[in-house]
Amino acid sequence: MAVPKKRTSRSKKKIRNHAWKTESVGVASRAFSLAQSVLTGRSKSFYYITEKVESKKDS
């Protein structure tokens, strides 16, 4: 027979919720920092083409 679970206390609920929100803030901060480094050209972990080069072969 199914038995209902015990209720989680408000303090435990708040602790878990705060930890979850704090993690997302850290991820967002890192993403913003990476975006800034890419836009300023100081990124050392990405390689990308800055200018579009058109190559046409003359036959």
C-alpha atoms as a PDB file:
ATOM      1  CA  MET A   1       0.000   0.000   0.000  1.00  0.00           C
ATOM      2  CA  ALA A   2       1.280   3.471  -0.888  1.00  0.00           C
ATOM      3  CA  VAL A   3       2.327   5.637   2.027  1.00  0.00           C
ATOM      4  CA  PRO A   4       2.793   9.401   1.691  1.00  0.00           C
ATOM      5  CA  LYS A   5       6.312  10.708   2.261  1.00  0.00           C
ATOM      6  CA  LYS A   6       7.181  12.908   5.190  1.00  0.00           C
ATOM      7  CA  ARG A   7       7.079  16.614   4.537  1.00  0.00           C
ATOM      8  CA  THR A   8      10.450  18.323   3.906  1.00  0.00           C
ATOM      9  CA  SER A   9      11.135  21.154   6.313  1.00  0.00           C
ATOM     10  CA  ARG A  10      11.167  24.712   5.014  1.00  0.00           C
ATOM     11  CA  SER A  11      14.824  25.178   5.943  1.00  0.00           C
ATOM     12  CA  LYS A  12      15.939  22.150   3.896  1.00  0.00           C
ATOM     13  CA  LYS A  13      13.780  23.316   1.007  1.00  0.00           C
ATOM     14  CA  LYS A  14      15.359  26.794   1.138  1.00  0.00           C
ATOM     15  CA  ILE A  15      18.891  25.361   1.315  1.00  0.00           C
ATOM     16  CA  ARG A  16      18.348  23.170  -1.747  1.00  0.00           C
ATOM     17  CA  ASN A  17      16.683  25.979  -3.679  1.00  0.00           C
ATOM     18  CA  HIS A  18      19.496  28.413  -2.833  1.00  0.00           C
ATOM     19  CA  ALA A  19      22.171  25.917  -3.921  1.00  0.00           C
ATOM     20  CA  TRP A  20      20.356  25.386  -7.219  1.00  0.00           C
ATOM     21  CA  LYS A  21      20.096  29.138  -7.885  1.00  0.00           C
ATOM     22  CA  THR A  22      23.712  29.788  -6.885  1.00  0.00           C
ATOM     23  CA  GLU A  23      24.943  27.192  -9.375  1.00  0.00           C
ATOM     24  CA  SER A  24      23.081  28.880 -12.235  1.00  0.00           C
ATOM     25  CA  VAL A  25      24.551  32.266 -11.301  1.00  0.00           C
ATOM     26  CA  GLY A  26      28.063  30.793 -11.486  1.00  0.00           C
ATOM     27  CA  VAL A  27      27.437  29.256 -14.900  1.00  0.00           C
ATOM     28  CA  ALA A  28      25.995  32.523 -16.215  1.00  0.00           C
ATOM     29  CA  SER A  29      28.991  34.448 -14.878  1.00  0.00           C
ATOM     30  CA  ARG A  30      31.457  32.120 -16.615  1.00  0.00           C
ATOM     31  CA  ALA A  31      29.507  32.326 -19.884  1.00  0.00           C
ATOM     32  CA  PHE A  32      29.504  36.134 -19.748  1.00  0.00           C
ATOM     33  CA  SER A  33      33.234  36.209 -19.021  1.00  0.00           C
ATOM     34  CA  LEU A  34      33.937  33.901 -21.962  1.00  0.00           C
ATOM     35  CA  ALA A  35      31.777  36.017 -24.260  1.00  0.00           C
ATOM     36  CA  GLN A  36      33.686  39.129 -23.224  1.00  0.00           C
ATOM     37  CA  SER A  37      37.046  37.501 -23.936  1.00  0.00           C
ATOM     38  CA  VAL A  38      35.878  36.329 -27.368  1.00  0.00           C
ATOM     39  CA  LEU A  39      34.530  39.773 -28.292  1.00  0.00           C
ATOM     40  CA  THR A  40      37.703  41.560 -27.203  1.00  0.00           C
ATOM     41  CA  GLY A  41      39.923  39.033 -29.004  1.00  0.00           C
ATOM     42  CA  ARG A  42      41.734  37.822 -25.893  1.00  0.00           C
ATOM     43  CA  SER A  43      40.321  34.305 -25.979  1.00  0.00           C
ATOM     44  CA  LYS A  44      42.945  31.567 -25.986  1.00  0.00           C
ATOM     45  CA  SER A  45      40.563  28.618 -26.204  1.00  0.00           C
ATOM     46  CA  PHE A  46      38.726  29.432 -29.438  1.00  0.00           C
ATOM     47  CA  TYR A  47      39.967  29.628 -32.989  1.00  0.00           C
ATOM     48  CA  TYR A  48      37.728  31.420 -35.438  1.00  0.00           C
ATOM     49  CA  ILE A  49      38.013  33.344 -38.674  1.00  0.00           C
ATOM     50  CA  THR A  50      37.718  37.096 -38.184  1.00  0.00           C
ATOM     51  CA  GLU A  51      37.531  38.104 -41.848  1.00  0.00           C
ATOM     52  CA  LYS A  52      35.597  36.464 -44.630  1.00  0.00           C
ATOM     53  CA  VAL A  53      37.953  35.520 -47.451  1.00  0.00           C
ATOM     54  CA  GLU A  54      36.555  35.042 -50.914  1.00  0.00           C
ATOM     55  CA  SER A  55      38.526  32.673 -53.099  1.00  0.00           C
ATOM     56  CA  LYS A  56      37.683  32.375 -56.781  1.00  0.00           C
ATOM     57  CA  LYS A  57      39.581  30.229 -59.235  1.00  0.00           C
ATOM     58  CA  ASP A  58      40.157  31.673 -62.695  1.00  0.00           C
ATOM     59  CA  SER A  59      40.191  28.952 -65.357  1.00  0.00           C
END
